[in-house]
N, C-alpha and C. Protein backbone atom coordinates (compact mmCIF):
# COMPACT_ATOMS: atom_id res chain seq x y z
N MET A 1 60.90 198.13 90.98
CA MET A 1 62.00 197.21 90.43
C MET A 1 62.34 196.39 91.65
N ASN A 2 62.29 195.32 92.14
CA ASN A 2 63.47 194.59 92.91
C ASN A 2 64.71 193.93 92.43
N ILE A 3 66.01 194.44 93.03
CA ILE A 3 66.98 194.21 92.57
C ILE A 3 67.31 192.75 92.77
N ASP A 4 66.45 191.72 93.80
CA ASP A 4 66.72 190.59 93.63
C ASP A 4 66.38 189.91 92.47
N GLY A 5 65.83 190.56 91.34
CA GLY A 5 65.20 189.86 90.17
C GLY A 5 64.24 190.50 89.65
N LEU A 6 64.31 191.01 88.22
CA LEU A 6 63.32 191.71 87.55
C LEU A 6 61.79 190.98 87.39
N ALA A 7 61.90 189.55 87.52
CA ALA A 7 60.78 188.55 87.87
C ALA A 7 61.10 187.91 88.94
N GLU A 8 61.35 188.20 90.01
CA GLU A 8 61.46 187.47 91.31
C GLU A 8 60.42 186.49 91.76
N ARG A 9 60.85 185.36 92.00
CA ARG A 9 60.16 184.36 92.01
C ARG A 9 59.72 184.03 93.63
N ARG A 10 58.82 183.86 94.30
CA ARG A 10 58.28 183.48 95.54
C ARG A 10 59.31 182.05 96.13
N LEU A 11 59.52 182.10 97.35
CA LEU A 11 60.20 181.19 98.02
C LEU A 11 59.53 179.96 97.66
N LEU A 12 59.90 179.14 96.62
CA LEU A 12 59.70 177.83 96.18
C LEU A 12 58.14 178.01 95.65
N ASP A 13 57.62 178.44 94.68
CA ASP A 13 56.80 178.83 93.96
C ASP A 13 55.92 177.57 93.60
N PRO A 14 54.35 177.63 93.54
CA PRO A 14 53.58 176.43 93.13
C PRO A 14 54.29 175.42 91.99
N ILE A 15 54.85 176.09 91.10
CA ILE A 15 55.61 175.07 90.06
C ILE A 15 56.75 174.24 90.48
N ALA A 16 57.51 175.03 91.30
CA ALA A 16 58.88 174.82 91.91
C ALA A 16 58.20 173.43 92.88
N ARG A 17 57.56 173.88 93.62
CA ARG A 17 57.00 173.00 94.61
C ARG A 17 56.45 171.66 93.72
N VAL A 18 55.66 171.75 92.83
CA VAL A 18 54.80 170.56 92.39
C VAL A 18 55.88 169.65 91.62
N SER A 19 56.89 170.64 90.76
CA SER A 19 57.78 169.85 90.02
C SER A 19 58.74 169.06 90.62
N GLU A 20 59.22 169.38 91.80
CA GLU A 20 60.07 168.98 92.90
C GLU A 20 59.39 167.24 93.38
N VAL A 21 58.20 167.58 93.29
CA VAL A 21 57.28 166.25 94.06
C VAL A 21 57.37 165.36 92.75
N ILE A 22 57.18 165.79 91.26
CA ILE A 22 57.00 164.87 90.48
C ILE A 22 58.32 164.50 90.05
N PHE A 23 59.29 164.96 90.13
CA PHE A 23 60.34 164.50 89.92
C PHE A 23 60.90 163.25 90.78
N GLY A 24 60.61 163.59 92.18
CA GLY A 24 60.97 162.45 93.18
C GLY A 24 60.20 161.51 92.88
N LEU A 25 58.96 161.55 92.75
CA LEU A 25 58.10 160.31 92.20
C LEU A 25 58.51 159.62 91.38
N ILE A 26 58.69 160.06 90.09
CA ILE A 26 59.21 159.25 89.11
C ILE A 26 60.38 158.80 89.22
N MET A 27 61.35 159.53 89.78
CA MET A 27 62.42 158.77 90.34
C MET A 27 62.67 157.50 91.22
N ALA A 28 61.83 157.70 92.19
CA ALA A 28 61.72 156.60 92.93
C ALA A 28 60.85 155.40 92.53
N VAL A 29 59.82 155.63 91.53
CA VAL A 29 59.00 154.66 91.45
C VAL A 29 59.74 153.85 90.12
N THR A 30 60.84 154.60 89.13
CA THR A 30 61.42 153.88 88.40
C THR A 30 62.46 153.11 88.98
N ILE A 31 63.07 153.31 90.12
CA ILE A 31 64.09 152.37 90.83
C ILE A 31 63.10 151.38 91.59
N VAL A 32 62.21 151.75 92.24
CA VAL A 32 61.31 150.51 92.89
C VAL A 32 60.70 149.53 91.73
N GLY A 33 60.50 149.94 90.63
CA GLY A 33 60.14 149.42 89.63
C GLY A 33 60.96 148.52 88.87
N SER A 34 62.27 148.38 89.12
CA SER A 34 63.30 147.86 88.67
C SER A 34 63.51 146.56 89.52
N LEU A 35 62.82 146.45 90.84
CA LEU A 35 62.86 145.19 91.69
C LEU A 35 62.06 144.13 90.76
N ALA A 36 62.83 143.00 90.57
CA ALA A 36 61.96 141.99 90.20
C ALA A 36 61.24 140.93 91.00
N ILE A 37 60.09 141.36 90.99
CA ILE A 37 59.33 140.65 92.24
C ILE A 37 58.94 139.26 92.58
N ALA A 38 59.41 138.45 91.37
CA ALA A 38 59.19 136.98 91.20
C ALA A 38 60.14 136.44 92.21
N THR A 39 61.36 137.28 92.34
CA THR A 39 62.53 136.52 93.24
C THR A 39 62.81 137.48 94.36
N ALA A 40 62.36 138.44 94.47
CA ALA A 40 62.76 139.11 95.43
C ALA A 40 62.37 138.75 96.74
N GLY A 41 63.30 139.09 97.46
CA GLY A 41 63.54 138.51 99.01
C GLY A 41 63.32 139.75 100.09
N ARG A 42 63.58 140.01 101.28
CA ARG A 42 63.69 140.75 102.00
C ARG A 42 64.70 141.68 101.87
N GLN A 43 66.06 140.88 101.81
CA GLN A 43 67.30 141.74 101.34
C GLN A 43 67.30 142.46 100.25
N GLU A 44 66.56 141.82 99.00
CA GLU A 44 66.47 142.53 97.93
C GLU A 44 65.53 144.09 97.82
N VAL A 45 64.49 143.65 98.61
CA VAL A 45 63.49 144.77 98.78
C VAL A 45 64.18 145.93 99.39
N ARG A 46 64.58 145.40 100.79
CA ARG A 46 65.53 146.55 101.45
C ARG A 46 66.35 147.16 100.39
N THR A 47 67.67 146.54 99.98
CA THR A 47 68.40 147.14 98.83
C THR A 47 67.68 148.08 97.96
N VAL A 48 66.37 147.89 97.07
CA VAL A 48 65.87 148.56 96.53
C VAL A 48 65.35 150.11 97.19
N MET A 49 64.85 149.75 98.35
CA MET A 49 64.45 150.87 98.94
C MET A 49 65.72 151.81 99.43
N MET A 50 66.52 151.08 100.01
CA MET A 50 67.60 152.21 100.14
C MET A 50 68.32 153.00 98.90
N ALA A 51 68.24 152.17 97.77
CA ALA A 51 68.63 152.66 96.69
C ALA A 51 67.69 154.00 95.93
N ALA A 52 66.50 153.64 95.87
CA ALA A 52 65.37 154.65 95.72
C ALA A 52 65.58 156.12 96.82
N LEU A 53 65.80 155.58 98.09
CA LEU A 53 65.88 156.95 98.95
C LEU A 53 67.63 157.66 98.92
N GLY A 54 68.60 156.88 98.54
CA GLY A 54 69.67 157.36 98.73
C GLY A 54 69.93 158.15 96.82
N CYS A 55 69.15 157.51 95.96
CA CYS A 55 69.09 158.39 94.69
C CYS A 55 68.39 159.73 94.80
N ASN A 56 67.23 159.67 95.36
CA ASN A 56 66.37 161.11 95.68
C ASN A 56 67.02 162.04 96.73
N LEU A 57 67.81 161.72 97.48
CA LEU A 57 68.81 162.29 98.49
C LEU A 57 69.92 162.73 97.55
N ALA A 58 70.54 162.05 96.81
CA ALA A 58 71.51 162.52 96.04
C ALA A 58 71.04 163.83 94.87
N TRP A 59 69.61 163.44 94.01
CA TRP A 59 69.15 164.36 93.37
C TRP A 59 68.53 165.39 94.17
N GLY A 60 67.98 165.62 95.30
CA GLY A 60 67.76 166.73 95.98
C GLY A 60 68.88 167.43 96.35
N LEU A 61 70.08 167.01 96.84
CA LEU A 61 71.10 167.64 97.10
C LEU A 61 71.73 168.24 95.97
N VAL A 62 71.81 168.04 94.78
CA VAL A 62 72.37 168.66 93.83
C VAL A 62 70.98 169.67 92.96
N ASP A 63 70.04 169.52 93.18
CA ASP A 63 69.37 170.26 92.76
C ASP A 63 69.00 171.23 93.80
N ALA A 64 69.11 171.44 95.14
CA ALA A 64 69.18 172.30 95.79
C ALA A 64 70.37 173.33 95.54
N VAL A 65 71.78 172.69 95.26
CA VAL A 65 73.09 173.38 94.97
C VAL A 65 72.62 174.27 93.97
N MET A 66 72.30 173.44 92.64
CA MET A 66 71.70 174.21 91.33
C MET A 66 71.19 175.16 91.69
N HIS A 67 70.15 175.29 92.66
CA HIS A 67 69.25 176.37 92.90
C HIS A 67 70.01 177.55 93.41
N LEU A 68 70.92 177.40 94.42
CA LEU A 68 71.86 178.50 94.96
C LEU A 68 72.57 179.13 93.79
N VAL A 69 73.02 178.06 92.70
CA VAL A 69 74.18 178.42 91.84
C VAL A 69 73.37 179.62 90.77
N ARG A 70 71.77 178.94 90.36
CA ARG A 70 71.39 179.79 89.56
C ARG A 70 70.81 181.07 90.14
N THR A 71 70.52 181.01 91.42
CA THR A 71 70.03 182.30 92.19
C THR A 71 71.07 183.61 92.08
N LEU A 72 71.88 182.78 92.85
CA LEU A 72 73.48 183.82 93.00
C LEU A 72 73.90 184.45 91.35
N THR A 73 73.76 183.69 90.49
CA THR A 73 74.13 183.80 88.75
C THR A 73 72.98 185.22 88.39
N GLU A 74 71.89 184.98 88.66
CA GLU A 74 70.66 185.87 88.13
C GLU A 74 70.75 187.20 89.07
N ARG A 75 71.16 186.66 90.28
CA ARG A 75 71.25 188.02 91.11
C ARG A 75 72.58 189.05 90.78
N THR A 76 73.52 188.27 90.62
CA THR A 76 74.71 189.08 90.18
C THR A 76 74.63 189.72 88.94
N ARG A 77 73.72 189.21 87.58
CA ARG A 77 73.37 189.86 86.90
C ARG A 77 72.68 190.88 86.79
N ASN A 78 71.71 190.89 87.84
CA ASN A 78 70.78 191.87 87.95
C ASN A 78 71.48 193.33 88.50
N VAL A 79 72.24 192.94 89.71
CA VAL A 79 73.26 193.91 90.10
C VAL A 79 73.97 194.67 89.19
N ALA A 80 74.51 193.87 88.22
CA ALA A 80 75.45 194.31 86.87
C ALA A 80 74.43 195.41 86.30
N LEU A 81 73.40 194.95 86.15
CA LEU A 81 72.15 196.05 84.90
C LEU A 81 71.91 197.06 86.01
N ALA A 82 71.73 197.12 87.35
CA ALA A 82 71.45 198.13 88.40
C ALA A 82 72.54 198.93 88.01
N ARG A 83 73.72 198.60 88.01
CA ARG A 83 74.71 199.62 88.23
C ARG A 83 75.17 200.02 86.99
N GLN A 84 74.97 199.56 85.86
CA GLN A 84 74.86 200.12 84.47
C GLN A 84 73.98 200.95 84.17
N VAL A 85 72.47 200.85 84.88
CA VAL A 85 71.26 202.13 84.64
C VAL A 85 71.68 203.19 85.41
N ILE A 86 72.26 202.68 86.54
CA ILE A 86 72.48 203.88 87.50
C ILE A 86 73.65 204.99 87.01
N GLY A 87 74.29 204.53 85.99
CA GLY A 87 75.71 204.99 85.25
C GLY A 87 75.22 205.90 84.09
N ALA A 88 73.94 205.49 83.46
CA ALA A 88 73.71 205.76 82.23
C ALA A 88 72.68 206.93 81.97
N SER A 89 72.72 207.42 80.52
CA SER A 89 71.58 208.10 80.24
C SER A 89 70.14 207.67 80.44
N PRO A 90 68.97 207.98 80.33
CA PRO A 90 67.47 207.64 80.36
C PRO A 90 67.68 206.36 79.12
N GLU A 91 68.01 207.30 77.88
CA GLU A 91 67.86 206.38 76.53
C GLU A 91 68.53 205.20 76.77
N SER A 92 69.62 205.18 77.30
CA SER A 92 70.53 204.16 77.34
C SER A 92 69.99 203.17 78.46
N ALA A 93 69.46 203.67 79.25
CA ALA A 93 69.05 202.99 80.55
C ALA A 93 67.53 202.14 79.81
N TYR A 94 67.08 202.52 79.54
CA TYR A 94 65.61 202.23 78.74
C TYR A 94 66.42 200.55 78.25
N ARG A 95 67.24 201.12 77.12
CA ARG A 95 67.75 199.87 76.07
C ARG A 95 67.96 198.57 77.06
N SER A 96 68.93 199.03 78.07
CA SER A 96 69.40 198.02 79.26
C SER A 96 68.41 197.24 79.65
N ILE A 97 67.42 198.13 80.17
CA ILE A 97 66.46 196.97 81.17
C ILE A 97 65.60 196.56 80.04
N ALA A 98 65.18 197.13 78.87
CA ALA A 98 64.40 196.16 77.90
C ALA A 98 64.92 194.89 77.41
N ALA A 99 66.60 195.24 77.29
CA ALA A 99 67.28 193.72 76.93
C ALA A 99 66.93 192.47 78.10
N ALA A 100 67.06 192.94 79.34
CA ALA A 100 67.00 192.44 80.43
C ALA A 100 65.58 191.75 80.57
N LEU A 101 64.63 192.03 80.06
CA LEU A 101 63.24 191.53 80.46
C LEU A 101 63.11 190.60 79.27
N PRO A 102 62.26 189.34 79.79
CA PRO A 102 61.75 188.21 78.85
C PRO A 102 61.13 189.14 77.28
N ASP A 103 61.23 188.26 76.43
CA ASP A 103 60.82 189.24 75.13
C ASP A 103 59.54 189.29 75.09
N HIS A 104 58.51 188.63 75.74
CA HIS A 104 56.79 188.64 75.73
C HIS A 104 56.52 189.93 76.39
N VAL A 105 57.51 190.28 77.57
CA VAL A 105 57.04 191.75 78.68
C VAL A 105 57.80 192.71 77.78
N ALA A 106 58.94 192.60 77.30
CA ALA A 106 59.50 193.89 76.49
C ALA A 106 58.66 194.59 75.36
N ALA A 107 58.14 193.25 74.52
CA ALA A 107 56.92 193.67 73.60
C ALA A 107 56.26 194.49 73.92
N ILE A 108 55.77 194.87 75.24
CA ILE A 108 54.46 195.36 75.53
C ILE A 108 54.74 196.56 76.63
N VAL A 109 55.97 196.60 76.84
CA VAL A 109 56.43 197.97 77.94
C VAL A 109 56.70 199.20 76.96
N GLY A 110 56.32 200.11 77.31
CA GLY A 110 56.84 201.32 76.57
C GLY A 110 57.66 202.47 77.83
N ASP A 111 58.09 203.50 76.82
CA ASP A 111 58.84 204.49 77.84
C ASP A 111 58.57 204.94 79.34
N ALA A 112 57.29 204.86 79.42
CA ALA A 112 56.60 205.04 80.62
C ALA A 112 56.90 204.04 81.74
N GLU A 113 56.96 202.65 81.53
CA GLU A 113 57.09 201.68 82.40
C GLU A 113 58.55 201.58 82.34
N LEU A 114 59.41 201.64 81.59
CA LEU A 114 60.71 201.53 81.31
C LEU A 114 61.40 202.91 82.91
N GLU A 115 60.90 204.07 82.32
CA GLU A 115 61.36 205.12 83.06
C GLU A 115 60.86 204.83 84.48
N GLY A 116 59.57 204.17 84.70
CA GLY A 116 59.18 203.73 86.07
C GLY A 116 60.12 202.79 86.75
N MET A 117 60.92 201.77 85.93
CA MET A 117 61.52 201.12 86.43
C MET A 117 63.10 201.51 86.62
N ARG A 118 63.50 202.52 85.93
CA ARG A 118 64.60 203.43 85.90
C ARG A 118 64.66 204.15 87.48
N GLN A 119 63.62 204.67 87.54
CA GLN A 119 63.47 205.58 88.72
C GLN A 119 63.34 204.73 89.93
N ARG A 120 62.93 203.65 90.26
CA ARG A 120 62.98 202.87 91.17
C ARG A 120 64.50 202.14 91.40
N ILE A 121 65.05 201.95 90.17
CA ILE A 121 66.43 201.42 90.53
C ILE A 121 67.33 202.70 91.09
N LEU A 122 67.20 203.93 90.36
CA LEU A 122 67.99 204.91 91.20
C LEU A 122 67.45 205.19 92.45
N ALA A 123 66.41 204.90 93.15
CA ALA A 123 66.00 204.97 94.38
C ALA A 123 66.31 204.19 95.41
N LEU A 124 66.93 203.08 94.62
CA LEU A 124 67.50 201.85 95.89
C LEU A 124 68.66 202.34 96.55
N PRO A 125 68.32 202.01 97.82
CA PRO A 125 69.38 202.85 99.12
C PRO A 125 70.49 201.91 99.28
N GLY A 126 71.48 202.90 98.96
CA GLY A 126 72.92 202.10 98.89
C GLY A 126 73.45 201.29 97.50
N ALA A 127 74.40 200.97 97.73
CA ALA A 127 74.89 200.42 96.36
C ALA A 127 74.51 198.88 96.17
N PRO A 128 74.13 198.32 95.16
CA PRO A 128 73.52 196.92 94.65
C PRO A 128 74.29 196.20 95.05
N ARG A 129 74.19 195.22 95.71
CA ARG A 129 75.25 194.05 95.94
C ARG A 129 74.34 192.30 95.61
N ALA A 130 75.36 192.13 95.03
CA ALA A 130 74.86 190.48 94.87
C ALA A 130 75.18 189.66 96.04
N GLY A 131 74.80 188.37 95.97
CA GLY A 131 75.15 187.54 97.41
C GLY A 131 74.07 186.68 97.66
N LEU A 132 73.97 185.75 98.34
CA LEU A 132 72.82 184.71 98.82
C LEU A 132 72.75 184.99 100.33
N ARG A 133 71.36 184.76 100.23
CA ARG A 133 70.78 185.38 101.83
C ARG A 133 69.91 184.40 102.58
N ARG A 134 69.49 184.54 103.54
CA ARG A 134 68.79 183.64 104.07
C ARG A 134 67.65 182.91 103.62
N ASP A 135 66.60 183.71 102.82
CA ASP A 135 66.08 182.97 102.10
C ASP A 135 66.24 182.10 101.02
N ASP A 136 67.34 182.33 100.51
CA ASP A 136 67.84 181.51 99.58
C ASP A 136 68.51 180.10 99.78
N TYR A 137 68.75 180.40 101.22
CA TYR A 137 69.21 178.61 101.58
C TYR A 137 67.99 178.14 102.39
N LEU A 138 66.98 178.61 102.63
CA LEU A 138 65.58 177.95 103.10
C LEU A 138 64.90 177.48 101.94
N ALA A 139 65.06 178.12 100.74
CA ALA A 139 64.62 177.52 99.61
C ALA A 139 65.22 176.51 99.19
N ALA A 140 66.78 176.45 99.21
CA ALA A 140 67.29 175.14 98.90
C ALA A 140 67.09 174.08 99.59
N ILE A 141 66.91 174.55 101.09
CA ILE A 141 66.52 173.39 102.09
C ILE A 141 65.29 172.81 101.42
N GLY A 142 64.36 173.70 101.22
CA GLY A 142 63.08 173.42 101.03
C GLY A 142 62.91 172.37 99.52
N ILE A 143 63.56 172.62 98.43
CA ILE A 143 63.90 171.88 97.39
C ILE A 143 64.38 170.42 97.74
N PHE A 144 65.49 170.52 98.34
CA PHE A 144 65.92 169.03 99.08
C PHE A 144 64.93 168.41 99.92
N LEU A 145 64.11 168.77 100.63
CA LEU A 145 62.95 168.03 101.36
C LEU A 145 62.07 167.79 100.34
N TRP A 146 61.54 168.63 99.41
CA TRP A 146 60.28 168.17 98.78
C TRP A 146 60.72 166.79 97.92
N VAL A 147 62.04 166.66 97.26
CA VAL A 147 62.42 165.73 96.62
C VAL A 147 62.68 164.48 97.76
N VAL A 148 63.26 164.71 98.69
CA VAL A 148 63.31 163.26 99.59
C VAL A 148 62.00 162.90 99.82
N VAL A 149 61.16 163.82 100.51
CA VAL A 149 59.82 163.60 101.17
C VAL A 149 58.94 162.72 100.00
N ALA A 150 59.01 163.24 98.87
CA ALA A 150 58.62 162.41 97.55
C ALA A 150 58.57 161.29 97.50
N THR A 151 59.68 160.76 97.97
CA THR A 151 60.12 158.97 97.83
C THR A 151 59.45 158.30 99.11
N PHE A 152 59.15 158.75 100.10
CA PHE A 152 58.60 158.00 101.23
C PHE A 152 57.18 157.26 101.14
N PRO A 153 56.43 157.94 100.21
CA PRO A 153 54.81 157.19 100.16
C PRO A 153 55.17 156.03 99.12
N VAL A 154 56.34 156.07 98.18
CA VAL A 154 56.40 155.09 97.26
C VAL A 154 57.12 153.88 98.06
N VAL A 155 58.16 154.22 99.06
CA VAL A 155 58.68 153.16 99.53
C VAL A 155 57.66 152.51 100.67
N ILE A 156 56.89 153.42 101.23
CA ILE A 156 56.57 153.01 102.83
C ILE A 156 55.48 151.37 102.66
N PRO A 157 54.99 151.32 101.55
CA PRO A 157 54.11 150.11 101.41
C PRO A 157 55.00 148.96 101.72
N PHE A 158 56.42 148.88 101.37
CA PHE A 158 57.44 147.60 101.26
C PHE A 158 57.68 147.71 102.78
N LEU A 159 57.34 148.74 103.54
CA LEU A 159 57.90 148.77 105.58
C LEU A 159 56.98 148.11 106.10
N LEU A 160 55.31 148.02 105.44
CA LEU A 160 54.26 147.50 105.97
C LEU A 160 53.83 146.58 105.51
N ILE A 161 53.87 145.84 104.51
CA ILE A 161 53.56 144.70 103.89
C ILE A 161 54.83 143.53 103.45
N ASP A 162 54.60 142.48 104.15
CA ASP A 162 55.64 141.65 103.67
C ASP A 162 55.56 140.80 102.32
N ASP A 163 54.42 140.76 101.88
CA ASP A 163 54.26 140.45 100.41
C ASP A 163 55.15 141.55 99.41
N ALA A 164 55.78 141.07 98.72
CA ALA A 164 56.26 141.79 97.98
C ALA A 164 55.59 142.62 96.60
N SER A 165 54.92 141.37 95.75
CA SER A 165 53.97 141.67 95.05
C SER A 165 52.82 142.80 95.32
N ARG A 166 52.44 142.30 96.75
CA ARG A 166 51.39 143.46 97.15
C ARG A 166 51.69 144.69 97.21
N ALA A 167 52.74 144.64 98.09
CA ALA A 167 53.50 145.86 98.27
C ALA A 167 53.84 146.74 96.97
N MET A 168 54.31 146.00 95.87
CA MET A 168 54.59 146.65 94.72
C MET A 168 53.51 147.37 94.05
N GLN A 169 52.11 146.94 94.18
CA GLN A 169 50.85 147.10 93.27
C GLN A 169 50.54 148.33 94.06
N LEU A 170 50.55 148.17 96.12
CA LEU A 170 50.09 149.41 96.33
C LEU A 170 51.04 150.78 96.12
N SER A 171 52.43 150.58 95.99
CA SER A 171 53.25 151.42 95.74
C SER A 171 52.91 152.16 94.51
N ARG A 172 52.52 151.25 93.46
CA ARG A 172 52.44 152.24 91.82
C ARG A 172 50.99 152.74 92.28
N VAL A 173 49.95 152.21 92.96
CA VAL A 173 48.78 152.72 93.03
C VAL A 173 48.99 154.52 93.85
N VAL A 174 49.77 154.31 94.78
CA VAL A 174 50.11 155.53 95.50
C VAL A 174 50.81 156.68 94.93
N THR A 175 51.65 156.18 93.87
CA THR A 175 52.22 156.76 93.04
C THR A 175 51.31 157.62 92.31
N LEU A 176 50.60 156.84 91.35
CA LEU A 176 49.30 157.58 90.65
C LEU A 176 48.43 158.16 91.16
N VAL A 177 48.31 158.35 92.36
CA VAL A 177 47.51 159.16 93.13
C VAL A 177 48.04 160.54 93.20
N MET A 178 49.31 160.46 93.90
CA MET A 178 50.11 161.27 94.24
C MET A 178 50.32 162.13 92.94
N LEU A 179 50.45 161.45 91.52
CA LEU A 179 50.66 162.29 90.50
C LEU A 179 49.47 163.04 90.07
N PHE A 180 48.65 162.23 90.33
CA PHE A 180 47.36 162.88 89.87
C PHE A 180 47.19 164.35 90.59
N PHE A 181 47.18 164.17 91.92
CA PHE A 181 46.89 165.52 92.75
C PHE A 181 48.03 166.44 92.33
N ALA A 182 49.26 166.12 91.98
CA ALA A 182 50.29 167.14 91.48
C ALA A 182 49.87 167.78 90.26
N GLY A 183 49.27 166.97 89.23
CA GLY A 183 48.77 167.38 88.13
C GLY A 183 47.63 168.29 88.34
N VAL A 184 46.73 167.99 89.25
CA VAL A 184 45.28 169.01 89.59
C VAL A 184 46.15 170.40 90.23
N ALA A 185 47.12 170.25 90.74
CA ALA A 185 47.92 171.51 91.28
C ALA A 185 48.42 172.35 90.00
N LEU A 186 48.93 171.77 89.35
CA LEU A 186 49.63 172.60 88.17
C LEU A 186 48.71 173.13 87.28
N GLY A 187 47.47 172.08 87.40
CA GLY A 187 46.25 172.98 86.64
C GLY A 187 45.74 174.07 87.19
N ARG A 188 45.57 174.08 88.17
CA ARG A 188 44.99 174.93 88.95
C ARG A 188 45.92 176.32 88.74
N TYR A 189 47.07 176.37 89.22
CA TYR A 189 48.07 177.27 89.27
C TYR A 189 47.93 177.66 87.53
N ALA A 190 47.90 176.90 86.43
CA ALA A 190 47.88 177.29 85.04
C ALA A 190 46.70 178.31 84.78
N GLY A 191 45.70 177.80 85.59
CA GLY A 191 44.38 178.31 85.11
C GLY A 191 43.63 177.66 84.31
N HIS A 192 43.91 176.33 84.30
CA HIS A 192 43.16 175.03 83.27
C HIS A 192 41.58 175.59 83.70
N ALA A 193 40.68 175.60 82.97
CA ALA A 193 39.28 175.38 83.24
C ALA A 193 38.95 173.97 84.07
N ARG A 194 39.62 173.08 83.59
CA ARG A 194 39.48 171.54 84.03
C ARG A 194 40.92 170.92 84.80
N PRO A 195 41.32 171.35 85.96
CA PRO A 195 42.13 170.82 86.23
C PRO A 195 42.28 169.69 86.75
N VAL A 196 41.38 168.85 87.19
CA VAL A 196 41.30 167.23 87.05
C VAL A 196 41.90 166.65 85.72
N LEU A 197 41.22 167.21 84.53
CA LEU A 197 42.12 166.75 83.21
C LEU A 197 43.71 166.42 83.01
N THR A 198 44.40 167.90 83.61
CA THR A 198 45.70 167.95 83.97
C THR A 198 46.01 166.84 85.14
N GLY A 199 45.21 166.59 86.14
CA GLY A 199 45.70 165.33 86.92
C GLY A 199 45.50 164.00 86.33
N LEU A 200 44.68 163.69 85.40
CA LEU A 200 44.35 162.61 84.97
C LEU A 200 45.69 162.57 83.70
N LEU A 201 45.90 163.43 82.96
CA LEU A 201 47.16 163.19 82.56
C LEU A 201 48.48 163.16 82.75
N MET A 202 48.64 163.45 84.11
CA MET A 202 49.87 163.50 84.72
C MET A 202 49.75 161.97 85.07
N ALA A 203 48.78 161.25 85.72
CA ALA A 203 48.73 160.02 86.13
C ALA A 203 48.89 159.44 85.23
N LEU A 204 48.23 159.25 84.01
CA LEU A 204 48.69 158.63 82.88
C LEU A 204 50.05 158.64 82.40
N LEU A 205 50.66 159.72 82.32
CA LEU A 205 52.15 159.65 82.28
C LEU A 205 52.71 158.58 83.10
N GLY A 206 52.45 158.82 84.47
CA GLY A 206 52.98 157.95 85.33
C GLY A 206 52.63 156.19 84.93
N ALA A 207 51.56 156.17 84.75
CA ALA A 207 50.95 154.65 84.51
C ALA A 207 52.09 154.43 83.30
N ALA A 208 52.36 155.69 81.90
CA ALA A 208 52.99 154.77 80.98
C ALA A 208 54.39 154.54 81.11
N LEU A 209 55.09 155.19 82.31
CA LEU A 209 56.11 155.11 83.01
C LEU A 209 56.37 153.55 83.51
N ILE A 210 55.36 153.53 84.49
CA ILE A 210 55.26 152.03 85.16
C ILE A 210 55.32 151.09 83.97
N ALA A 211 54.31 151.10 83.11
CA ALA A 211 54.43 150.21 82.24
C ALA A 211 55.78 149.90 81.39
N ALA A 212 56.31 151.14 80.91
CA ALA A 212 57.66 151.05 80.35
C ALA A 212 58.93 150.14 81.26
N VAL A 213 58.54 150.49 82.77
CA VAL A 213 59.82 149.72 83.43
C VAL A 213 59.22 148.33 83.39
N LYS A 214 57.82 148.18 83.72
CA LYS A 214 57.73 146.41 83.52
C LYS A 214 57.99 145.52 82.02
N ALA A 215 58.09 146.54 81.20
CA ALA A 215 58.47 145.92 79.97
C ALA A 215 59.65 145.73 79.66
N LEU A 216 60.66 146.47 80.45
CA LEU A 216 62.15 146.23 80.48
C LEU A 216 62.66 145.44 81.61
N GLY A 217 61.70 144.77 81.86
CA GLY A 217 61.98 143.65 83.08
C GLY A 217 61.85 144.01 84.43
N GLY A 218 61.14 145.14 84.79
CA GLY A 218 61.36 145.46 86.19
C GLY A 218 59.93 144.76 86.70
């Protein structure tokens, strides 16, 4: 057992990476979709682009900070558990460890597994300590960058094409393609037999969102 977490996550695991991209895409296309093409001039297009970028910058910053808060809270809780286990009898330690495990995991572990976890906690070098580390800050920076970078493919067409209507169409196509590949990645990670279907469902979700934005006057 690692004191950094009973179910320690890798630095920005696949679900986290893909989720951040999806969040950034949906937020960006929603803001860009609010642009009224019929009356859009270059200044209006520029304003919407800056709004999309600014919103995703803010969202990425909040998400990164909350990652640090969540990590510190979980690690502090695990350190408290380790200290409790070290000073407890084996039976009491088993109960504490089992209570900290997810329900579906606690339901299938027995005394042998719990004893193994207890022994690994007892074998930890030095007193367990909470706190944020270098990898935690790197993960937070990664989350911020994933959210922000996901915005750029959505707004790039407006930088390359003068016709706002054509740029909007291309922006939506780019968004749907990226959502499709994000869905495929999630499907593969989840072990779905047909991850392409997951990608299509994710793209359909994006199309439904775009249609809703248009219906609302975007």
